[in-house]
Every structure is written in C-alpha cells, then in structure tokens.
C-alpha atoms as a PDB file:
ATOM      1  CA  MET A   1     -25.267 -14.421   6.125  1.00  0.00           C
ATOM      2  CA  SER A   2     -26.153 -15.405   9.699  1.00  0.00           C
ATOM      3  CA  LYS A   3     -23.942 -14.557  12.663  1.00  0.00           C
ATOM      4  CA  SER A   4     -22.824 -18.178  13.073  1.00  0.00           C
ATOM      5  CA  SER A   5     -21.996 -18.465   9.363  1.00  0.00           C
ATOM      6  CA  PHE A   6     -19.997 -15.233   9.531  1.00  0.00           C
ATOM      7  CA  ASN A   7     -18.112 -16.491  12.609  1.00  0.00           C
ATOM      8  CA  ASN A   8     -17.340 -19.777  10.865  1.00  0.00           C
ATOM      9  CA  TRP A   9     -16.066 -17.905   7.807  1.00  0.00           C
ATOM     10  CA  ILE A  10     -13.829 -15.718  10.011  1.00  0.00           C
ATOM     11  CA  VAL A  11     -12.416 -18.773  11.822  1.00  0.00           C
ATOM     12  CA  ARG A  12     -11.512 -20.464   8.538  1.00  0.00           C
ATOM     13  CA  PHE A  13     -10.527 -17.566   6.263  1.00  0.00           C
ATOM     14  CA  TRP A  14      -9.337 -14.738   8.560  1.00  0.00           C
ATOM     15  CA  TRP A  15      -5.934 -14.794   6.793  1.00  0.00           C
ATOM     16  CA  LEU A  16      -7.515 -13.526   3.540  1.00  0.00           C
ATOM     17  CA  LEU A  17      -8.257 -10.131   5.088  1.00  0.00           C
ATOM     18  CA  PRO A  18      -4.655  -8.944   5.679  1.00  0.00           C
ATOM     19  CA  LEU A  19      -3.683 -10.196   2.222  1.00  0.00           C
ATOM     20  CA  ALA A  20      -6.533  -8.213   0.661  1.00  0.00           C
ATOM     21  CA  THR A  21      -5.546  -5.073   2.608  1.00  0.00           C
ATOM     22  CA  ILE A  22      -1.934  -5.323   1.422  1.00  0.00           C
ATOM     23  CA  LEU A  23      -2.983  -5.915  -2.187  1.00  0.00           C
ATOM     24  CA  PHE A  24      -5.420  -2.968  -2.201  1.00  0.00           C
ATOM     25  CA  SER A  25      -2.798  -0.735  -0.559  1.00  0.00           C
ATOM     26  CA  ILE A  26      -0.256  -1.598  -3.259  1.00  0.00           C
ATOM     27  CA  ALA A  27      -2.889  -1.171  -5.983  1.00  0.00           C
ATOM     28  CA  SER A  28      -3.844   2.282  -4.670  1.00  0.00           C
ATOM     29  CA  SER A  29      -0.185   3.313  -4.828  1.00  0.00           C
ATOM     30  CA  PHE A  30       0.072   2.355  -8.494  1.00  0.00           C
ATOM     31  CA  ALA A  31      -3.339   3.855  -9.323  1.00  0.00           C
ATOM     32  CA  SER A  32      -2.265   7.223  -7.885  1.00  0.00           C
ATOM     33  CA  ASP A  33      -0.070   7.689 -10.971  1.00  0.00           C
ATOM     34  CA  TRP A  34      -2.899   7.600 -13.479  1.00  0.00           C
ATOM     35  CA  ASN A  35      -6.388   7.756 -11.973  1.00  0.00           C
ATOM     36  CA  ILE A  36      -7.238   9.488  -8.695  1.00  0.00           C
ATOM     37  CA  THR A  37     -10.777   8.045  -8.583  1.00  0.00           C
ATOM     38  CA  ILE A  38      -9.576   4.436  -8.762  1.00  0.00           C
ATOM     39  CA  MET A  39      -6.908   5.236  -6.160  1.00  0.00           C
ATOM     40  CA  LEU A  40      -9.595   6.493  -3.759  1.00  0.00           C
ATOM     41  CA  ILE A  41     -11.704   3.368  -4.395  1.00  0.00           C
ATOM     42  CA  PHE A  42      -8.754   1.100  -3.554  1.00  0.00           C
ATOM     43  CA  CYS A  43      -7.993   3.145  -0.423  1.00  0.00           C
ATOM     44  CA  GLY A  44     -11.617   2.889   0.652  1.00  0.00           C
ATOM     45  CA  LEU A  45     -11.650  -0.879   0.172  1.00  0.00           C
ATOM     46  CA  ALA A  46      -8.403  -1.244   2.130  1.00  0.00           C
ATOM     47  CA  THR A  47      -9.882   0.833   4.969  1.00  0.00           C
ATOM     48  CA  ILE A  48     -13.037  -1.311   5.107  1.00  0.00           C
ATOM     49  CA  ILE A  49     -10.997  -4.522   5.178  1.00  0.00           C
ATOM     50  CA  LEU A  50      -8.787  -3.112   7.951  1.00  0.00           C
ATOM     51  CA  LEU A  51     -11.932  -2.625  10.038  1.00  0.00           C
ATOM     52  CA  LEU A  52     -13.003  -6.168   9.206  1.00  0.00           C
ATOM     53  CA  GLN A  53      -9.630  -7.394  10.471  1.00  0.00           C
ATOM     54  CA  LEU A  54     -10.320  -5.800  13.835  1.00  0.00           C
ATOM     55  CA  LEU A  55     -13.694  -7.528  13.888  1.00  0.00           C
ATOM     56  CA  ALA A  56     -12.018 -10.817  12.920  1.00  0.00           C
ATOM     57  CA  PHE A  57      -9.518 -10.485  15.784  1.00  0.00           C
ATOM     58  CA  VAL A  58     -12.323  -9.906  18.306  1.00  0.00           C
ATOM     59  CA  THR A  59     -14.323 -12.809  16.849  1.00  0.00           C
ATOM     60  CA  LEU A  60     -11.365 -15.187  17.126  1.00  0.00           C
ATOM     61  CA  LEU A  61     -10.851 -14.165  20.749  1.00  0.00           C
ATOM     62  CA  ILE A  62     -14.530 -14.786  21.516  1.00  0.00           C
ATOM     63  CA  GLU A  63     -14.325 -18.173  19.783  1.00  0.00           C
ATOM     64  CA  LYS A  64     -11.171 -18.903  21.855  1.00  0.00           C
ATOM     65  CA  ARG A  65      -9.074 -19.518  18.760  1.00  0.00           C
ATOM     66  CA  TRP A  66      -6.000 -18.201  20.515  1.00  0.00           C
ATOM     67  CA  TRP A  67      -3.295 -18.940  17.942  1.00  0.00           C
ATOM     68  CA  ARG A  68      -5.429 -17.701  15.097  1.00  0.00           C
ATOM     69  CA  ALA A  69      -6.209 -14.572  17.110  1.00  0.00           C
ATOM     70  CA  VAL A  70      -2.477 -13.993  17.562  1.00  0.00           C
ATOM     71  CA  GLY A  71      -1.974 -14.493  13.825  1.00  0.00           C
ATOM     72  CA  ALA A  72      -4.823 -12.102  13.052  1.00  0.00           C
ATOM     73  CA  PHE A  73      -3.343  -9.490  15.383  1.00  0.00           C
ATOM     74  CA  PHE A  74       0.159  -9.521  13.907  1.00  0.00           C
ATOM     75  CA  SER A  75      -0.971  -9.868  10.290  1.00  0.00           C
ATOM     76  CA  GLY A  76      -3.426  -7.030  10.883  1.00  0.00           C
ATOM     77  CA  ALA A  77      -0.613  -4.890  12.267  1.00  0.00           C
ATOM     78  CA  LEU A  78       1.510  -5.724   9.228  1.00  0.00           C
ATOM     79  CA  SER A  79      -1.270  -4.831   6.783  1.00  0.00           C
ATOM     80  CA  PHE A  80      -1.850  -1.556   8.681  1.00  0.00           C
ATOM     81  CA  ILE A  81       1.866  -0.750   8.286  1.00  0.00           C
ATOM     82  CA  PHE A  82       1.527  -1.390   4.543  1.00  0.00           C
ATOM     83  CA  PHE A  83      -1.586   0.771   4.349  1.00  0.00           C
ATOM     84  CA  VAL A  84       0.040   3.711   6.135  1.00  0.00           C
ATOM     85  CA  GLY A  85       3.650   3.105   5.136  1.00  0.00           C
ATOM     86  CA  ILE A  86       3.334   2.923   1.345  1.00  0.00           C
ATOM     87  CA  PRO A  87       2.103   6.556   0.989  1.00  0.00           C
ATOM     88  CA  ILE A  88       4.845   7.706   3.400  1.00  0.00           C
ATOM     89  CA  VAL A  89       7.532   5.912   1.375  1.00  0.00           C
ATOM     90  CA  ASN A  90       6.122   7.353  -1.858  1.00  0.00           C
ATOM     91  CA  MET A  91       6.174  10.850  -0.367  1.00  0.00           C
ATOM     92  CA  PHE A  92       9.769  10.378   0.819  1.00  0.00           C
ATOM     93  CA  PHE A  93      11.067   9.265  -2.567  1.00  0.00           C
ATOM     94  CA  SER A  94       9.006  11.804  -4.492  1.00  0.00           C
ATOM     95  CA  SER A  95      10.438  14.598  -2.344  1.00  0.00           C
ATOM     96  CA  MET A  96      14.032  13.654  -3.172  1.00  0.00           C
ATOM     97  CA  PRO A  97      15.755  15.892  -5.744  1.00  0.00           C
ATOM     98  CA  ASP A  98      15.410  14.659  -9.315  1.00  0.00           C
ATOM     99  CA  ASP A  99      18.605  15.451 -11.211  1.00  0.00           C
ATOM    100  CA  PHE A 100      17.305  14.318 -14.601  1.00  0.00           C
ATOM    101  CA  GLY A 101      17.736  17.798 -16.061  1.00  0.00           C
ATOM    102  CA  LYS A 102      21.289  18.119 -14.745  1.00  0.00           C
ATOM    103  CA  LYS A 103      22.204  14.845 -16.430  1.00  0.00           C
ATOM    104  CA  HIS A 104      20.757  16.023 -19.776  1.00  0.00           C
ATOM    105  CA  VAL A 105      22.375  19.365 -20.456  1.00  0.00           C
ATOM    106  CA  ILE A 106      20.993  21.313 -23.416  1.00  0.00           C
ATOM    107  CA  PRO A 107      23.645  21.360 -26.192  1.00  0.00           C
ATOM    108  CA  GLU A 108      24.988  24.820 -26.964  1.00  0.00           C
ATOM    109  CA  GLY A 109      23.284  26.375 -29.980  1.00  0.00           C
ATOM    110  CA  MET A 110      20.398  23.870 -30.030  1.00  0.00           C
ATOM    111  CA  GLU A 111      17.243  25.442 -31.489  1.00  0.00           C
ATOM    112  CA  MET A 112      14.204  25.091 -29.254  1.00  0.00           C
ATOM    113  CA  ASN A 113      10.732  26.487 -28.748  1.00  0.00           C
ATOM    114  CA  ILE A 114       9.793  28.052 -25.396  1.00  0.00           C
ATOM    115  CA  PRO A 115       6.357  27.262 -23.914  1.00  0.00           C
ATOM    116  CA  ILE A 116       4.040  30.271 -23.912  1.00  0.00           C
ATOM    117  CA  THR A 117       3.692  32.107 -20.614  1.00  0.00           C
ATOM    118  CA  ASP A 118       0.133  33.423 -20.667  1.00  0.00           C
ATOM    119  CA  ALA A 119      -0.439  36.063 -17.998  1.00  0.00           C
ATOM    120  CA  ASN A 120      -4.113  36.195 -19.027  1.00  0.00           C
ATOM    121  CA  CYS A 121      -4.719  32.477 -18.596  1.00  0.00           C
ATOM    122  CA  ARG A 122      -7.611  31.939 -16.203  1.00  0.00           C
ATOM    123  CA  TRP A 123      -9.822  29.083 -15.065  1.00  0.00           C
ATOM    124  CA  ASN A 124     -13.537  28.810 -14.513  1.00  0.00           C
ATOM    125  CA  ALA A 125     -15.726  25.855 -13.585  1.00  0.00           C
ATOM    126  CA  THR A 126     -17.699  25.944 -16.842  1.00  0.00           C
ATOM    127  CA  ASP A 127     -14.989  26.264 -19.488  1.00  0.00           C
ATOM    128  CA  GLY A 128     -11.821  25.233 -17.636  1.00  0.00           C
ATOM    129  CA  PHE A 129      -8.687  27.100 -18.641  1.00  0.00           C
ATOM    130  CA  ILE A 130      -9.190  29.990 -21.041  1.00  0.00           C
ATOM    131  CA  PHE A 131      -6.087  31.011 -22.996  1.00  0.00           C
ATOM    132  CA  THR A 132      -5.284  34.106 -25.004  1.00  0.00           C
ATOM    133  CA  PRO A 133      -5.617  33.014 -28.660  1.00  0.00           C
ATOM    134  CA  VAL A 134      -2.348  32.316 -30.484  1.00  0.00           C
ATOM    135  CA  GLU A 135      -2.056  33.190 -34.157  1.00  0.00           C
ATOM    136  CA  ILE A 136      -1.949  30.024 -36.246  1.00  0.00           C
ATOM    137  CA  ASP A 137      -0.665  30.046 -39.823  1.00  0.00           C
ATOM    138  CA  SER A 138      -2.133  27.181 -41.840  1.00  0.00           C
ATOM    139  CA  THR A 139       0.838  27.382 -44.230  1.00  0.00           C
ATOM    140  CA  ASP A 140       3.382  27.075 -41.403  1.00  0.00           C
ATOM    141  CA  SER A 141       3.262  23.631 -39.765  1.00  0.00           C
ATOM    142  CA  ASN A 142       5.612  24.849 -37.020  1.00  0.00           C
ATOM    143  CA  SER A 143       2.702  26.877 -35.617  1.00  0.00           C
ATOM    144  CA  TRP A 144       0.287  23.953 -35.502  1.00  0.00           C
ATOM    145  CA  LEU A 145       1.443  22.683 -32.095  1.00  0.00           C
ATOM    146  CA  GLN A 146       1.267  25.205 -29.264  1.00  0.00           C
ATOM    147  CA  ILE A 147       2.323  24.580 -25.657  1.00  0.00           C
ATOM    148  CA  TRP A 148       1.619  26.834 -22.671  1.00  0.00           C
ATOM    149  CA  ASN A 149       3.225  26.856 -19.247  1.00  0.00           C
ATOM    150  CA  GLY A 150       0.774  25.666 -16.595  1.00  0.00           C
ATOM    151  CA  GLU A 151       0.195  26.858 -13.061  1.00  0.00           C
ATOM    152  CA  GLN A 152       3.364  25.072 -11.842  1.00  0.00           C
ATOM    153  CA  GLY A 153       6.650  24.115 -13.435  1.00  0.00           C
ATOM    154  CA  GLY A 154       6.410  20.811 -15.309  1.00  0.00           C
ATOM    155  CA  ILE A 155       2.667  21.219 -15.874  1.00  0.00           C
ATOM    156  CA  TYR A 156       1.726  22.270 -19.412  1.00  0.00           C
ATOM    157  CA  HIS A 157      -1.221  22.641 -21.774  1.00  0.00           C
ATOM    158  CA  TYR A 158      -1.107  21.857 -25.466  1.00  0.00           C
ATOM    159  CA  ALA A 159      -3.330  22.773 -28.402  1.00  0.00           C
ATOM    160  CA  PHE A 160      -3.030  21.215 -31.839  1.00  0.00           C
ATOM    161  CA  TYR A 161      -4.139  22.214 -35.356  1.00  0.00           C
ATOM    162  CA  TRP A 162      -4.114  20.026 -38.464  1.00  0.00           C
ATOM    163  CA  PRO A 163      -5.658  19.663 -41.934  1.00  0.00           C
ATOM    164  CA  ALA A 164      -8.303  16.992 -42.622  1.00  0.00           C
ATOM    165  CA  LEU A 165      -7.818  13.945 -40.408  1.00  0.00           C
ATOM    166  CA  SER A 166      -9.559  10.571 -40.158  1.00  0.00           C
ATOM    167  CA  ASP A 167     -11.505   9.682 -37.021  1.00  0.00           C
ATOM    168  CA  GLY A 168      -9.455   8.294 -34.155  1.00  0.00           C
ATOM    169  CA  GLU A 169      -7.278   9.580 -31.334  1.00  0.00           C
ATOM    170  CA  ILE A 170      -4.616  12.255 -30.965  1.00  0.00           C
ATOM    171  CA  TYR A 171      -2.051  12.003 -28.170  1.00  0.00           C
ATOM    172  CA  LEU A 172       1.462  13.133 -27.223  1.00  0.00           C
ATOM    173  CA  ARG A 173       4.705  11.265 -26.711  1.00  0.00           C
ATOM    174  CA  CYS A 174       7.699  13.135 -25.256  1.00  0.00           C
ATOM    175  CA  PHE A 175      11.394  12.265 -25.383  1.00  0.00           C
ATOM    176  CA  GLU A 176      14.513  13.857 -23.959  1.00  0.00           C
ATOM    177  CA  ALA A 177      15.936  15.290 -27.164  1.00  0.00           C
ATOM    178  CA  THR A 178      19.641  14.415 -26.817  1.00  0.00           C
ATOM    179  CA  LYS A 179      19.458  10.753 -25.727  1.00  0.00           C
ATOM    180  CA  GLY A 180      15.908   9.826 -26.732  1.00  0.00           C
ATOM    181  CA  THR A 181      14.699   8.740 -23.289  1.00  0.00           C
ATOM    182  CA  GLU A 182      10.900   8.568 -23.311  1.00  0.00           C
ATOM    183  CA  LEU A 183       9.331  10.783 -20.647  1.00  0.00           C
ATOM    184  CA  SER A 184       6.367   9.997 -18.407  1.00  0.00           C
ATOM    185  CA  ALA A 185       5.554   7.093 -20.717  1.00  0.00           C
ATOM    186  CA  SER A 186       2.847   5.436 -18.601  1.00  0.00           C
ATOM    187  CA  ARG A 187       1.017   8.691 -17.826  1.00  0.00           C
ATOM    188  CA  LEU A 188       1.360  10.926 -20.862  1.00  0.00           C
ATOM    189  CA  LYS A 189      -0.791   9.061 -23.375  1.00  0.00           C
ATOM    190  CA  PRO A 190      -3.946   8.682 -21.220  1.00  0.00           C
ATOM    191  CA  ARG A 191      -3.719  12.316 -20.099  1.00  0.00           C
ATOM    192  CA  THR A 192      -3.207  13.802 -23.561  1.00  0.00           C
ATOM    193  CA  THR A 193      -5.508  11.604 -25.638  1.00  0.00           C
ATOM    194  CA  VAL A 194      -8.322  13.440 -27.422  1.00  0.00           C
ATOM    195  CA  ARG A 195     -10.907  11.799 -29.688  1.00  0.00           C
ATOM    196  CA  VAL A 196     -11.181  13.063 -33.275  1.00  0.00           C
ATOM    197  CA  PHE A 197     -14.494  13.010 -35.165  1.00  0.00           C
ATOM    198  CA  GLY A 198     -15.347  14.553 -38.516  1.00  0.00           C
ATOM    199  CA  HIS A 199     -12.220  16.700 -38.872  1.00  0.00           C
ATOM    200  CA  ASN A 200     -12.587  17.531 -42.585  1.00  0.00           C
ATOM    201  CA  GLU A 201     -10.559  20.738 -42.994  1.00  0.00           C
ATOM    202  CA  PHE A 202      -7.718  22.656 -41.382  1.00  0.00           C
ATOM    203  CA  GLY A 203      -8.544  23.745 -37.848  1.00  0.00           C
ATOM    204  CA  GLN A 204      -8.116  22.986 -34.177  1.00  0.00           C
ATOM    205  CA  VAL A 205      -8.067  19.269 -33.408  1.00  0.00           C
ATOM    206  CA  VAL A 206      -7.114  19.498 -29.724  1.00  0.00           C
ATOM    207  CA  PRO A 207      -8.242  22.366 -27.456  1.00  0.00           C
ATOM    208  CA  PRO A 208      -5.824  23.318 -24.637  1.00  0.00           C
ATOM    209  CA  THR A 209      -5.300  20.065 -22.749  1.00  0.00           C
ATOM    210  CA  GLU A 210      -3.219  19.653 -19.595  1.00  0.00           C
ATOM    211  CA  PHE A 211      -0.301  17.253 -19.235  1.00  0.00           C
ATOM    212  CA  THR A 212       2.659  16.867 -16.876  1.00  0.00           C
ATOM    213  CA  ILE A 213       6.336  16.041 -17.366  1.00  0.00           C
ATOM    214  CA  TYR A 214       7.549  14.289 -14.212  1.00  0.00           C
ATOM    215  CA  GLU A 215      11.260  13.866 -14.914  1.00  0.00           C
ATOM    216  CA  GLY A 216      13.401  16.648 -13.430  1.00  0.00           C
ATOM    217  CA  ASP A 217      12.692  19.556 -11.080  1.00  0.00           C
ATOM    218  CA  TRP A 218      11.527  23.154 -11.344  1.00  0.00           C
ATOM    219  CA  GLU A 219      13.780  25.472 -13.352  1.00  0.00           C
ATOM    220  CA  ASP A 220      16.059  22.549 -14.216  1.00  0.00           C
ATOM    221  CA  TYR A 221      15.480  22.858 -17.961  1.00  0.00           C
ATOM    222  CA  TYR A 222      16.327  20.329 -20.657  1.00  0.00           C
ATOM    223  CA  ALA A 223      15.377  19.749 -24.288  1.00  0.00           C
ATOM    224  CA  VAL A 224      12.225  17.735 -24.964  1.00  0.00           C
ATOM    225  CA  ARG A 225      11.077  16.396 -28.320  1.00  0.00           C
ATOM    226  CA  VAL A 226       7.285  16.610 -28.238  1.00  0.00           C
ATOM    227  CA  GLU A 227       5.664  14.276 -30.762  1.00  0.00           C
ATOM    228  CA  VAL A 228       2.013  14.386 -31.836  1.00  0.00           C
ATOM    229  CA  TRP A 229       0.618  10.942 -32.705  1.00  0.00           C
ATOM    230  CA  HIS A 230      -2.587   9.910 -34.447  1.00  0.00           C
ATOM    231  CA  LYS A 231      -4.227   6.502 -34.092  1.00  0.00           C
ATOM    232  CA  PRO A 232      -6.982   6.106 -36.706  1.00  0.00           C
ATOM    233  CA  THR A 233      -9.991   4.046 -35.709  1.00  0.00           C
ATOM    234  CA  GLY A 234      -9.014   0.475 -36.534  1.00  0.00           C
ATOM    235  CA  GLY A 235      -5.603   1.570 -37.824  1.00  0.00           C
ATOM    236  CA  LYS A 236      -2.002   1.754 -36.658  1.00  0.00           C
ATOM    237  CA  PRO A 237      -0.607   4.768 -34.755  1.00  0.00           C
ATOM    238  CA  HIS A 238       1.634   7.122 -36.729  1.00  0.00           C
ATOM    239  CA  LYS A 239       3.479  10.324 -35.900  1.00  0.00           C
ATOM    240  CA  LEU A 240       2.098  13.544 -37.368  1.00  0.00           C
ATOM    241  CA  MET A 241       4.755  16.040 -36.297  1.00  0.00           C
ATOM    242  CA  GLU A 242       7.321  16.934 -33.645  1.00  0.00           C
ATOM    243  CA  LYS A 243       8.801  20.074 -32.055  1.00  0.00           C
ATOM    244  CA  ILE A 244      11.685  20.605 -29.657  1.00  0.00           C
ATOM    245  CA  TYR A 245      10.804  22.513 -26.478  1.00  0.00           C
ATOM    246  CA  ARG A 246      12.759  23.693 -23.477  1.00  0.00           C
ATOM    247  CA  MET A 247      10.905  22.153 -20.558  1.00  0.00           C
ATOM    248  CA  GLU A 248      11.226  21.346 -16.868  1.00  0.00           C
ATOM    249  CA  GLY A 249       9.913  18.581 -14.639  1.00  0.00           C
ATOM    250  CA  TRP A 250       7.214  18.818 -12.005  1.00  0.00           C
ATOM    251  CA  MET A 251       8.714  18.990  -8.514  1.00  0.00           C
ATOM    252  CA  ARG A 252       6.541  16.568  -6.520  1.00  0.00           C
END
C-alpha cells in the first residue's frame, strides 16, 4: 500500500481502529479465563492498533481533517481507557472477598474425602509434578479417583484409574454438594480433559493433572461433588463415578 493510499484509508476508516481496540481488549479479558496464549495475542493486537490510532490522529491533522482528528483523539482516548481499565476492573472485582463457602456450610456429619497433602510433591521441567504414589485397590472403586492439594488453596491435581475403557476423553465436572451448583463450569472441562487411547485393562487413565476451583476463598471449605465423565469418540458423554471432597476456592 502506497503512502497516499494509506492516508486515504485513514481519512475514510479511522473510526474502525478504536472499535477494534475495544473489541480486542474485551476479548483478551474473556480469554484470560481459559487460554493465556490467546489472551496475550489479543493484548498484542490491541496494542498495535492503539499505536495505529496515534498514527491516524497525526495523519488526520496533516491532512487538515480537523473534526475527524478531534474524533480520532477522543475515540483513541476512550479505547485506551478500555485497554487499561478492563484489567484494573477485573483485578478489583477478583480481589473482593468471595463468600461462596460461607453461604454453603458443610452439613454436620457429612462424609467427605480430604485431598492428599503431599509434602514430597515436587516439580521439574521434564516431568512436571511428581507425586508420591498412592495405593490403588482395583477392587475398591472409591480409590480410583485421587485428588492432591496443589501449591495454593483452590488449586488441585487429580489422577484417575479405571478398568477397560473405549477411546475418547476423560474430564471432571464439580458441583457444590448441598445445592448442586456447578463450579468453574467454563474452565474445568478444558483444563481437566485427557485423551484416552487403547485403555484395555485396569490401570491409570489420567496422570496427575492440575485444575482450579474458583468459587470461594482460601480455608473457606465447603463440600464438592467431583464427577468423572467419559465422552467416547463419536458417542455421548456419561458419568463414570463421583466422590465428595472438602475443598476450598482459589483466592485470586
């Protein structure tokens, strides 16, 4: 594109740039919940378009398009506020106390499992988290799902064992156990999904895999029904098993 063609495009379509910045800023906010790479891409695009807005403002001044230059200035300022303000607003609301646990008191006498606290858990760049092996009894289905406490409250790792299983996907769904409210619904499935291939006998289907419960705050425990689901290739999802755990939310 020649300089004159670029200038003509700016004169006619300068208003598209602030709109694009606002849209990419909003998209990056939503993407931060489920994919950090896509969030960074959206942020990068918004930054580039912000710089283009500055160039558009200068170009409109040079072309003596005064009213359009004024519009570019104020719309650029507005899109900059969106770009900077959305993360600040998200941080403000995420820092507010989450009383989910206080509103869902564990019933007296309710039987629950406690996530494993593994003092020997360690991380390395090659193998990720290495956990102390837990004894699994193939005749006791209650031992087939194991959950460890992670490095912070609300962050967990799960491992899963099962007999022969058709190819497909394994993933978790979690619900507050007393009222059935689904937890972290938009984030839990993509973060816990593991592909299953050729699982022909009893054994580990899912190695320790990290997930996060976002509802509630640290040490504000409530009862969570953890469900393990299987979606066969080309088939319908169905629940394999469930266990009740005492869990807490991640304090953002």
